Structure formats: C-alpha cells, structure tokens
Amino acid sequence: MSNPYAPPENRPGTPDDAPVQDAPVWPPAGGAPQAPVVPERPPADPEGAARATSLTRLFAVLVLASVLVATLRLPWQAAALPFVLAAVVVGVRAVVVALRARARGLAPVLAVGLVISLLWTFSLLVQLAPWQAQQDKQDCLARALTIGARSACETQFEKDLDDLYTSLTERSTGS
C-alpha cells in the first residue's frame, strides 16, 4: 500500500490517479444563457459610517431627553415635543447617511428607532391635546389633602375630557 501523505511525484501510479474527465456542463455551450453573476457589494464607507454612528448617538440622546422631559409637570412637559421632533429629523438624516455609507447593520436599527420615535410623537400630541383639563387636574391634585378630594379631582378631569371630546365631535359633524 502506498503512502497517501507522500507528495504526488513520489507515489507510485495507481488506477485512482487516472486523469479525471470534466463533467458535462449544462446547459451546453453554444449561446445558451448563463446565470447572471451577482457583483459583490462595495465595501462600506468608513467616514460615512462614522458620521451615521454619531448621528445615531444624537438621535438616541434626543429621544431619551424627550422621554425624561415628558415626566415633568405640565408646562415643562410640553418641552418634550421639540426634543422628539428634533429626534425625528436627526433620525431621518441618520438613515439617509447610513444608507449612502452602506452601513449594513445601522440602517434597519435606525428605521425601527424612527418608527418608535414617531409613535412617541403621536403619544405626546395626544397627551398634550387636553392641555387645560390636565392643568386643572394637576392644580386640583396639588391642593387635595384627602382621598375624597383626590377622587373629586379625577372625576372632574374625566368630566372635562368628556366635555372636550363632545365639543370636538360636534364640530366635526357640523352640528
């Protein structure tokens, strides 16, 4: 038995060393269309990816600032809206820069973050719509010393919201 690890020139010839015939190519040559060759993706632009990363950080900071400011009392709570609107603008810019830089993993993450920030924007707008009713509720709760007084504040707030929504639906129907 010959040594299978020996270099080819030192091995004695065996039937297994016979030249291998090429397998037939399908479809046969002669004008038949071949499968298109997919070109390799160009590499990511490092400067563009760095710019997209810095915009992503700014986007995250603006969204976080918006969430934190939204926890404050009502006059200050309205400042969350400019933060989240700036975050949406920066997020859109970051997605564009990431796509141009061909940063493969960054664009989908930014797109998800952008959808979340748009939902947060809508949530803030809905919270700030009944401004006067919320302001009255906060003032009432600040003066309430008993559980009954707090309950009265909640009841008045619900009544104010019902009145607001009733007036809005009457305007929309044209009555």
N, C-alpha and C. Protein backbone atom coordinates (compact mmCIF):
# COMPACT_ATOMS: atom_id res chain seq x y z
N MET A 1 0.85 -1.17 0.00
CA MET A 1 0.00 0.00 0.00
C MET A 1 0.89 1.23 0.00
N SER A 2 0.53 2.21 -0.83
CA SER A 2 1.34 3.41 -0.94
C SER A 2 1.00 4.38 0.17
N ASN A 3 1.90 5.29 0.41
CA ASN A 3 1.71 6.30 1.45
C ASN A 3 0.79 7.41 0.91
N PRO A 4 -0.40 7.59 1.52
CA PRO A 4 -1.32 8.62 0.99
C PRO A 4 -0.86 10.03 1.29
N TYR A 5 0.10 10.18 2.23
CA TYR A 5 0.57 11.50 2.59
C TYR A 5 1.83 11.91 1.84
N ALA A 6 2.34 11.05 1.02
CA ALA A 6 3.56 11.37 0.28
C ALA A 6 3.23 12.32 -0.85
N PRO A 7 4.19 13.17 -1.26
CA PRO A 7 3.94 14.05 -2.40
C PRO A 7 3.60 13.25 -3.64
N PRO A 8 2.84 13.83 -4.58
CA PRO A 8 2.37 13.08 -5.75
C PRO A 8 3.50 12.50 -6.59
N GLU A 9 4.64 13.15 -6.70
CA GLU A 9 5.68 12.63 -7.57
C GLU A 9 6.36 11.41 -6.96
N ASN A 10 6.24 11.18 -5.67
CA ASN A 10 6.88 10.03 -5.04
C ASN A 10 5.94 8.84 -4.93
N ARG A 11 4.67 9.00 -5.25
CA ARG A 11 3.74 7.89 -5.15
C ARG A 11 3.77 7.07 -6.43
N PRO A 12 3.66 5.82 -6.26
CA PRO A 12 3.56 5.00 -7.47
C PRO A 12 2.19 5.17 -8.10
N GLY A 13 2.13 5.04 -9.41
CA GLY A 13 0.88 5.22 -10.15
C GLY A 13 -0.12 4.16 -9.80
N THR A 14 -1.36 4.57 -9.57
CA THR A 14 -2.45 3.64 -9.28
C THR A 14 -3.60 4.00 -10.19
N PRO A 15 -4.58 3.11 -10.30
CA PRO A 15 -5.73 3.45 -11.15
C PRO A 15 -6.50 4.66 -10.62
N ASP A 16 -6.36 4.95 -9.33
CA ASP A 16 -7.06 6.11 -8.79
C ASP A 16 -6.43 7.41 -9.28
N ASP A 17 -5.20 7.36 -9.75
CA ASP A 17 -4.51 8.57 -10.21
C ASP A 17 -4.79 8.88 -11.68
N ALA A 18 -5.69 8.17 -12.29
CA ALA A 18 -6.01 8.42 -13.69
C ALA A 18 -6.59 9.81 -13.82
N PRO A 19 -6.36 10.51 -14.92
CA PRO A 19 -6.90 11.86 -15.07
C PRO A 19 -8.43 11.86 -15.00
N VAL A 20 -8.92 12.82 -14.34
CA VAL A 20 -10.37 12.95 -14.18
C VAL A 20 -10.92 13.69 -15.38
N GLN A 21 -12.00 13.15 -15.95
CA GLN A 21 -12.64 13.82 -17.07
C GLN A 21 -13.59 14.88 -16.54
N ASP A 22 -13.67 15.97 -17.27
CA ASP A 22 -14.58 17.03 -16.86
C ASP A 22 -16.02 16.56 -17.02
N ALA A 23 -16.85 16.95 -16.06
CA ALA A 23 -18.27 16.62 -16.12
C ALA A 23 -18.92 17.50 -17.17
N PRO A 24 -19.93 17.00 -17.83
CA PRO A 24 -20.58 17.82 -18.85
C PRO A 24 -21.23 19.06 -18.22
N VAL A 25 -21.14 20.15 -18.92
CA VAL A 25 -21.69 21.42 -18.45
C VAL A 25 -23.10 21.55 -18.99
N TRP A 26 -24.03 21.86 -18.11
CA TRP A 26 -25.42 22.03 -18.55
C TRP A 26 -25.84 23.45 -18.31
N PRO A 27 -26.40 24.17 -19.11
CA PRO A 27 -26.72 23.83 -20.48
C PRO A 27 -25.46 23.84 -21.34
N PRO A 28 -25.49 23.08 -22.41
CA PRO A 28 -24.30 23.00 -23.26
C PRO A 28 -23.94 24.37 -23.82
N ALA A 29 -22.65 24.57 -24.01
CA ALA A 29 -22.18 25.84 -24.56
C ALA A 29 -22.72 26.01 -25.96
N GLY A 30 -22.82 27.24 -26.37
CA GLY A 30 -23.33 27.49 -27.72
C GLY A 30 -24.44 28.51 -27.70
N GLY A 31 -24.28 29.52 -26.94
CA GLY A 31 -25.26 30.59 -26.95
C GLY A 31 -26.34 30.47 -25.92
N ALA A 32 -26.32 29.42 -25.12
CA ALA A 32 -27.35 29.28 -24.09
C ALA A 32 -27.09 30.31 -22.99
N PRO A 33 -28.15 30.92 -22.48
CA PRO A 33 -27.95 31.94 -21.44
C PRO A 33 -27.40 31.31 -20.16
N GLN A 34 -26.49 32.01 -19.55
CA GLN A 34 -25.92 31.55 -18.29
C GLN A 34 -26.52 32.38 -17.16
N ALA A 35 -26.40 31.85 -15.96
CA ALA A 35 -26.92 32.55 -14.80
C ALA A 35 -26.16 33.86 -14.61
N PRO A 36 -26.86 34.93 -14.28
CA PRO A 36 -26.16 36.20 -14.11
C PRO A 36 -25.24 36.14 -12.89
N VAL A 37 -24.12 36.78 -13.03
CA VAL A 37 -23.16 36.84 -11.94
C VAL A 37 -23.53 38.03 -11.06
N VAL A 38 -23.73 37.77 -9.77
CA VAL A 38 -24.09 38.82 -8.84
C VAL A 38 -22.81 39.52 -8.40
N PRO A 39 -22.71 40.81 -8.67
CA PRO A 39 -21.48 41.50 -8.26
C PRO A 39 -21.42 41.63 -6.75
N GLU A 40 -20.23 41.65 -6.22
CA GLU A 40 -20.06 41.81 -4.78
C GLU A 40 -20.45 43.23 -4.39
N ARG A 41 -20.99 43.34 -3.17
CA ARG A 41 -21.36 44.66 -2.68
C ARG A 41 -20.10 45.47 -2.42
N PRO A 42 -20.15 46.73 -2.75
CA PRO A 42 -18.98 47.55 -2.44
C PRO A 42 -18.82 47.69 -0.94
N PRO A 43 -17.60 47.86 -0.48
CA PRO A 43 -17.39 47.96 0.96
C PRO A 43 -18.01 49.24 1.53
N ALA A 44 -18.27 49.20 2.82
CA ALA A 44 -18.86 50.36 3.48
C ALA A 44 -17.86 51.51 3.53
N ASP A 45 -18.39 52.71 3.43
CA ASP A 45 -17.58 53.92 3.53
C ASP A 45 -17.31 54.19 5.01
N PRO A 46 -16.04 54.11 5.47
CA PRO A 46 -15.79 54.27 6.91
C PRO A 46 -16.14 55.66 7.43
N GLU A 47 -15.89 56.70 6.64
CA GLU A 47 -16.23 58.06 7.10
C GLU A 47 -17.73 58.25 7.20
N GLY A 48 -18.45 57.74 6.21
CA GLY A 48 -19.91 57.84 6.25
C GLY A 48 -20.51 57.02 7.38
N ALA A 49 -19.93 55.84 7.63
CA ALA A 49 -20.42 55.02 8.73
C ALA A 49 -20.15 55.70 10.08
N ALA A 50 -19.02 56.36 10.20
CA ALA A 50 -18.72 57.09 11.44
C ALA A 50 -19.69 58.25 11.62
N ARG A 51 -20.01 58.94 10.54
CA ARG A 51 -20.97 60.05 10.61
C ARG A 51 -22.36 59.53 10.98
N ALA A 52 -22.75 58.40 10.39
CA ALA A 52 -24.05 57.81 10.71
C ALA A 52 -24.10 57.36 12.17
N THR A 53 -22.99 56.86 12.67
CA THR A 53 -22.94 56.43 14.07
C THR A 53 -23.09 57.62 15.01
N SER A 54 -22.43 58.73 14.67
CA SER A 54 -22.56 59.91 15.54
C SER A 54 -23.97 60.48 15.48
N LEU A 55 -24.60 60.44 14.31
CA LEU A 55 -26.00 60.89 14.21
C LEU A 55 -26.92 59.95 14.99
N THR A 56 -26.59 58.67 15.00
CA THR A 56 -27.40 57.71 15.76
C THR A 56 -27.32 58.01 17.25
N ARG A 57 -26.13 58.35 17.73
CA ARG A 57 -25.98 58.70 19.15
C ARG A 57 -26.80 59.95 19.48
N LEU A 58 -26.74 60.96 18.62
CA LEU A 58 -27.51 62.18 18.84
C LEU A 58 -29.01 61.86 18.83
N PHE A 59 -29.44 61.01 17.92
CA PHE A 59 -30.83 60.58 17.84
C PHE A 59 -31.26 59.94 19.16
N ALA A 60 -30.44 59.04 19.68
CA ALA A 60 -30.78 58.34 20.93
C ALA A 60 -30.83 59.32 22.09
N VAL A 61 -29.92 60.28 22.14
CA VAL A 61 -29.91 61.26 23.23
C VAL A 61 -31.17 62.14 23.16
N LEU A 62 -31.56 62.54 21.97
CA LEU A 62 -32.76 63.38 21.83
C LEU A 62 -34.03 62.63 22.24
N VAL A 63 -34.13 61.36 21.86
CA VAL A 63 -35.30 60.57 22.26
C VAL A 63 -35.32 60.39 23.77
N LEU A 64 -34.16 60.09 24.35
CA LEU A 64 -34.08 59.93 25.80
C LEU A 64 -34.44 61.24 26.52
N ALA A 65 -33.95 62.35 26.02
CA ALA A 65 -34.28 63.65 26.63
C ALA A 65 -35.78 63.90 26.55
N SER A 66 -36.39 63.53 25.44
CA SER A 66 -37.83 63.70 25.30
C SER A 66 -38.59 62.87 26.32
N VAL A 67 -38.16 61.64 26.52
CA VAL A 67 -38.83 60.78 27.49
C VAL A 67 -38.67 61.34 28.90
N LEU A 68 -37.48 61.81 29.22
CA LEU A 68 -37.25 62.34 30.56
C LEU A 68 -38.03 63.63 30.81
N VAL A 69 -38.08 64.51 29.83
CA VAL A 69 -38.80 65.78 29.99
C VAL A 69 -40.30 65.52 30.06
N ALA A 70 -40.78 64.46 29.42
CA ALA A 70 -42.21 64.16 29.44
C ALA A 70 -42.69 63.75 30.83
N THR A 71 -41.78 63.41 31.72
CA THR A 71 -42.19 63.02 33.07
C THR A 71 -42.38 64.22 33.99
N LEU A 72 -42.02 65.42 33.54
CA LEU A 72 -42.16 66.62 34.36
C LEU A 72 -43.61 67.08 34.40
N ARG A 73 -43.89 68.09 35.23
CA ARG A 73 -45.23 68.67 35.31
C ARG A 73 -45.58 69.35 33.99
N LEU A 74 -46.82 69.70 33.83
CA LEU A 74 -47.37 70.09 32.54
C LEU A 74 -46.69 71.26 31.82
N PRO A 75 -46.43 72.37 32.38
CA PRO A 75 -45.83 73.37 31.49
C PRO A 75 -44.49 72.90 30.92
N TRP A 76 -43.74 72.15 31.71
CA TRP A 76 -42.43 71.68 31.25
C TRP A 76 -42.56 70.44 30.38
N GLN A 77 -43.64 69.73 30.56
CA GLN A 77 -43.86 68.51 29.79
C GLN A 77 -43.98 68.82 28.29
N ALA A 78 -44.45 69.99 27.97
CA ALA A 78 -44.59 70.37 26.56
C ALA A 78 -43.25 70.49 25.86
N ALA A 79 -42.17 70.68 26.62
CA ALA A 79 -40.83 70.78 26.01
C ALA A 79 -40.36 69.44 25.45
N ALA A 80 -41.05 68.35 25.76
CA ALA A 80 -40.68 67.05 25.20
C ALA A 80 -40.97 67.00 23.70
N LEU A 81 -41.95 67.76 23.26
CA LEU A 81 -42.31 67.74 21.84
C LEU A 81 -41.19 68.26 20.94
N PRO A 82 -40.55 69.40 21.23
CA PRO A 82 -39.43 69.81 20.37
C PRO A 82 -38.28 68.80 20.37
N PHE A 83 -38.03 68.16 21.52
CA PHE A 83 -36.97 67.16 21.56
C PHE A 83 -37.27 65.98 20.63
N VAL A 84 -38.51 65.49 20.68
CA VAL A 84 -38.83 64.34 19.86
C VAL A 84 -38.92 64.72 18.38
N LEU A 85 -39.36 65.94 18.08
CA LEU A 85 -39.38 66.37 16.68
C LEU A 85 -37.96 66.50 16.13
N ALA A 86 -37.05 67.04 16.95
CA ALA A 86 -35.64 67.10 16.54
C ALA A 86 -35.07 65.70 16.36
N ALA A 87 -35.48 64.77 17.22
CA ALA A 87 -35.02 63.39 17.10
C ALA A 87 -35.50 62.76 15.79
N VAL A 88 -36.72 63.05 15.39
CA VAL A 88 -37.23 62.50 14.13
C VAL A 88 -36.41 63.04 12.95
N VAL A 89 -36.11 64.33 12.97
CA VAL A 89 -35.31 64.92 11.88
C VAL A 89 -33.92 64.31 11.86
N VAL A 90 -33.28 64.20 13.01
CA VAL A 90 -31.93 63.62 13.07
C VAL A 90 -31.98 62.14 12.69
N GLY A 91 -33.04 61.44 13.08
CA GLY A 91 -33.18 60.03 12.73
C GLY A 91 -33.30 59.82 11.23
N VAL A 92 -34.09 60.65 10.57
CA VAL A 92 -34.22 60.54 9.11
C VAL A 92 -32.88 60.82 8.45
N ARG A 93 -32.20 61.85 8.92
CA ARG A 93 -30.87 62.17 8.37
C ARG A 93 -29.89 61.02 8.60
N ALA A 94 -29.94 60.39 9.77
CA ALA A 94 -29.04 59.28 10.07
C ALA A 94 -29.32 58.08 9.17
N VAL A 95 -30.59 57.80 8.89
CA VAL A 95 -30.93 56.70 7.99
C VAL A 95 -30.37 56.97 6.60
N VAL A 96 -30.53 58.19 6.11
CA VAL A 96 -30.02 58.54 4.78
C VAL A 96 -28.50 58.40 4.74
N VAL A 97 -27.81 58.90 5.75
CA VAL A 97 -26.34 58.81 5.78
C VAL A 97 -25.91 57.35 5.88
N ALA A 98 -26.61 56.54 6.68
CA ALA A 98 -26.25 55.13 6.83
C ALA A 98 -26.46 54.37 5.52
N LEU A 99 -27.52 54.68 4.80
CA LEU A 99 -27.75 54.02 3.52
C LEU A 99 -26.72 54.42 2.48
N ARG A 100 -26.37 55.68 2.45
CA ARG A 100 -25.34 56.14 1.50
C ARG A 100 -23.97 55.56 1.83
N ALA A 101 -23.71 55.36 3.12
CA ALA A 101 -22.41 54.83 3.54
C ALA A 101 -22.39 53.31 3.45
N ARG A 102 -23.51 52.71 3.12
CA ARG A 102 -23.64 51.26 3.04
C ARG A 102 -23.30 50.59 4.36
N ALA A 103 -23.70 51.21 5.46
CA ALA A 103 -23.55 50.61 6.79
C ALA A 103 -24.69 49.62 6.96
N ARG A 104 -24.41 48.36 6.76
CA ARG A 104 -25.45 47.34 6.63
C ARG A 104 -26.31 47.16 7.88
N GLY A 105 -25.72 47.18 9.04
CA GLY A 105 -26.48 46.90 10.24
C GLY A 105 -27.14 48.11 10.86
N LEU A 106 -26.70 49.30 10.48
CA LEU A 106 -27.16 50.50 11.14
C LEU A 106 -28.51 50.99 10.62
N ALA A 107 -28.75 50.89 9.34
CA ALA A 107 -29.98 51.43 8.75
C ALA A 107 -31.24 50.74 9.29
N PRO A 108 -31.30 49.42 9.40
CA PRO A 108 -32.52 48.81 9.94
C PRO A 108 -32.78 49.19 11.41
N VAL A 109 -31.72 49.27 12.19
CA VAL A 109 -31.88 49.66 13.60
C VAL A 109 -32.42 51.08 13.69
N LEU A 110 -31.89 51.95 12.86
CA LEU A 110 -32.37 53.34 12.85
C LEU A 110 -33.82 53.42 12.38
N ALA A 111 -34.17 52.60 11.41
CA ALA A 111 -35.56 52.62 10.92
C ALA A 111 -36.53 52.21 12.03
N VAL A 112 -36.17 51.20 12.81
CA VAL A 112 -37.02 50.78 13.92
C VAL A 112 -37.10 51.90 14.96
N GLY A 113 -35.96 52.51 15.28
CA GLY A 113 -35.95 53.62 16.22
C GLY A 113 -36.77 54.79 15.74
N LEU A 114 -36.75 55.03 14.44
CA LEU A 114 -37.53 56.12 13.86
C LEU A 114 -39.03 55.85 13.98
N VAL A 115 -39.44 54.62 13.76
CA VAL A 115 -40.86 54.26 13.92
C VAL A 115 -41.28 54.45 15.37
N ILE A 116 -40.42 54.02 16.31
CA ILE A 116 -40.74 54.18 17.73
C ILE A 116 -40.84 55.66 18.10
N SER A 117 -39.93 56.48 17.57
CA SER A 117 -39.99 57.91 17.90
C SER A 117 -41.21 58.58 17.27
N LEU A 118 -41.65 58.11 16.12
CA LEU A 118 -42.89 58.66 15.54
C LEU A 118 -44.10 58.29 16.39
N LEU A 119 -44.11 57.07 16.90
CA LEU A 119 -45.20 56.68 17.80
C LEU A 119 -45.17 57.49 19.09
N TRP A 120 -43.97 57.77 19.59
CA TRP A 120 -43.83 58.58 20.79
C TRP A 120 -44.30 60.01 20.52
N THR A 121 -44.03 60.53 19.34
CA THR A 121 -44.50 61.86 18.96
C THR A 121 -46.03 61.90 18.98
N PHE A 122 -46.64 60.89 18.40
CA PHE A 122 -48.11 60.83 18.40
C PHE A 122 -48.64 60.75 19.82
N SER A 123 -48.00 59.96 20.66
CA SER A 123 -48.42 59.82 22.06
C SER A 123 -48.33 61.16 22.79
N LEU A 124 -47.25 61.90 22.57
CA LEU A 124 -47.11 63.21 23.20
C LEU A 124 -48.18 64.18 22.73
N LEU A 125 -48.48 64.15 21.45
CA LEU A 125 -49.52 65.05 20.93
C LEU A 125 -50.88 64.73 21.55
N VAL A 126 -51.17 63.44 21.73
CA VAL A 126 -52.44 63.05 22.33
C VAL A 126 -52.48 63.48 23.80
N GLN A 127 -51.35 63.38 24.49
CA GLN A 127 -51.31 63.78 25.90
C GLN A 127 -51.45 65.28 26.08
N LEU A 128 -50.89 66.04 25.15
CA LEU A 128 -50.91 67.49 25.29
C LEU A 128 -52.17 68.14 24.70
N ALA A 129 -52.98 67.36 24.01
CA ALA A 129 -54.19 67.93 23.40
C ALA A 129 -55.15 68.51 24.44
N PRO A 130 -55.46 67.80 25.52
CA PRO A 130 -56.35 68.39 26.53
C PRO A 130 -55.55 69.19 27.57
N TRP A 131 -54.83 70.17 27.12
CA TRP A 131 -53.91 70.94 27.98
C TRP A 131 -54.62 71.52 29.20
N GLN A 132 -55.72 72.24 28.97
CA GLN A 132 -56.39 72.93 30.07
C GLN A 132 -56.94 71.93 31.09
N ALA A 133 -57.50 70.83 30.62
CA ALA A 133 -58.06 69.84 31.55
C ALA A 133 -56.94 69.22 32.40
N GLN A 134 -55.80 68.94 31.78
CA GLN A 134 -54.69 68.38 32.55
C GLN A 134 -54.12 69.40 33.53
N GLN A 135 -54.05 70.66 33.12
CA GLN A 135 -53.55 71.71 34.02
C GLN A 135 -54.46 71.85 35.24
N ASP A 136 -55.77 71.84 35.00
CA ASP A 136 -56.72 71.91 36.11
C ASP A 136 -56.58 70.71 37.04
N LYS A 137 -56.40 69.53 36.48
CA LYS A 137 -56.23 68.33 37.29
C LYS A 137 -54.97 68.42 38.15
N GLN A 138 -53.86 68.86 37.57
CA GLN A 138 -52.62 68.99 38.34
C GLN A 138 -52.77 70.00 39.48
N ASP A 139 -53.42 71.13 39.20
CA ASP A 139 -53.65 72.13 40.25
C ASP A 139 -54.55 71.58 41.35
N CYS A 140 -55.59 70.86 40.96
CA CYS A 140 -56.52 70.29 41.94
C CYS A 140 -55.80 69.24 42.80
N LEU A 141 -55.00 68.37 42.18
CA LEU A 141 -54.28 67.34 42.94
C LEU A 141 -53.24 67.95 43.86
N ALA A 142 -52.69 69.10 43.50
CA ALA A 142 -51.71 69.75 44.37
C ALA A 142 -52.38 70.27 45.64
N ARG A 143 -53.67 70.66 45.53
CA ARG A 143 -54.40 71.17 46.70
C ARG A 143 -55.10 70.08 47.48
N ALA A 144 -55.27 68.88 46.87
CA ALA A 144 -56.04 67.81 47.51
C ALA A 144 -55.25 67.19 48.65
N LEU A 145 -55.89 67.14 49.85
CA LEU A 145 -55.23 66.58 51.01
C LEU A 145 -55.81 65.22 51.42
N THR A 146 -57.02 64.91 50.95
CA THR A 146 -57.67 63.66 51.34
C THR A 146 -57.90 62.80 50.10
N ILE A 147 -58.23 61.54 50.38
CA ILE A 147 -58.52 60.62 49.28
C ILE A 147 -59.78 61.06 48.55
N GLY A 148 -60.77 61.56 49.29
CA GLY A 148 -62.00 62.05 48.67
C GLY A 148 -61.74 63.23 47.75
N ALA A 149 -60.85 64.13 48.17
CA ALA A 149 -60.53 65.28 47.33
C ALA A 149 -59.80 64.83 46.06
N ARG A 150 -58.92 63.86 46.20
CA ARG A 150 -58.21 63.34 45.02
C ARG A 150 -59.20 62.67 44.06
N SER A 151 -60.16 61.95 44.62
CA SER A 151 -61.18 61.30 43.80
C SER A 151 -62.03 62.35 43.07
N ALA A 152 -62.33 63.45 43.76
CA ALA A 152 -63.11 64.53 43.13
C ALA A 152 -62.31 65.15 41.98
N CYS A 153 -61.00 65.27 42.14
CA CYS A 153 -60.16 65.81 41.06
C CYS A 153 -60.20 64.89 39.84
N GLU A 154 -60.12 63.59 40.06
CA GLU A 154 -60.18 62.63 38.96
C GLU A 154 -61.54 62.68 38.26
N THR A 155 -62.61 62.78 39.06
CA THR A 155 -63.95 62.85 38.49
C THR A 155 -64.12 64.10 37.64
N GLN A 156 -63.63 65.24 38.15
CA GLN A 156 -63.72 66.49 37.40
C GLN A 156 -62.90 66.40 36.11
N PHE A 157 -61.73 65.76 36.16
CA PHE A 157 -60.88 65.59 34.98
C PHE A 157 -61.59 64.76 33.92
N GLU A 158 -62.22 63.67 34.34
CA GLU A 158 -62.95 62.84 33.39
C GLU A 158 -64.12 63.61 32.77
N LYS A 159 -64.79 64.42 33.56
CA LYS A 159 -65.89 65.25 33.04
C LYS A 159 -65.37 66.27 32.04
N ASP A 160 -64.24 66.89 32.37
CA ASP A 160 -63.64 67.86 31.44
C ASP A 160 -63.24 67.20 30.12
N LEU A 161 -62.69 65.98 30.19
CA LEU A 161 -62.33 65.26 28.96
C LEU A 161 -63.56 64.91 28.15
N ASP A 162 -64.63 64.47 28.81
CA ASP A 162 -65.87 64.16 28.10
C ASP A 162 -66.42 65.41 27.41
N ASP A 163 -66.39 66.54 28.11
CA ASP A 163 -66.87 67.79 27.50
C ASP A 163 -66.01 68.17 26.29
N LEU A 164 -64.69 68.02 26.42
CA LEU A 164 -63.79 68.35 25.31
C LEU A 164 -64.05 67.47 24.10
N TYR A 165 -64.17 66.16 24.31
CA TYR A 165 -64.39 65.25 23.19
C TYR A 165 -65.78 65.44 22.58
N THR A 166 -66.76 65.78 23.41
CA THR A 166 -68.10 66.05 22.88
C THR A 166 -68.08 67.29 21.99
N SER A 167 -67.39 68.34 22.44
CA SER A 167 -67.32 69.55 21.63
C SER A 167 -66.54 69.30 20.33
N LEU A 168 -65.53 68.46 20.38
CA LEU A 168 -64.77 68.15 19.16
C LEU A 168 -65.60 67.33 18.18
N THR A 169 -66.38 66.38 18.66
CA THR A 169 -67.19 65.58 17.76
C THR A 169 -68.34 66.40 17.19
N GLU A 170 -68.88 67.36 17.95
CA GLU A 170 -69.93 68.22 17.42
C GLU A 170 -69.39 69.12 16.32
N ARG A 171 -68.15 69.59 16.47
CA ARG A 171 -67.55 70.42 15.42
C ARG A 171 -67.29 69.61 14.16
N SER A 172 -66.86 68.36 14.33
CA SER A 172 -66.54 67.55 13.16
C SER A 172 -67.78 67.12 12.39
N THR A 173 -68.91 66.96 13.08
CA THR A 173 -70.14 66.58 12.40
C THR A 173 -70.88 67.78 11.84
N GLY A 174 -70.51 68.98 12.28
CA GLY A 174 -71.11 70.20 11.75
C GLY A 174 -72.41 70.58 12.40
N SER A 175 -72.71 70.03 13.56
CA SER A 175 -73.98 70.34 14.24
C SER A 175 -73.93 71.67 14.90
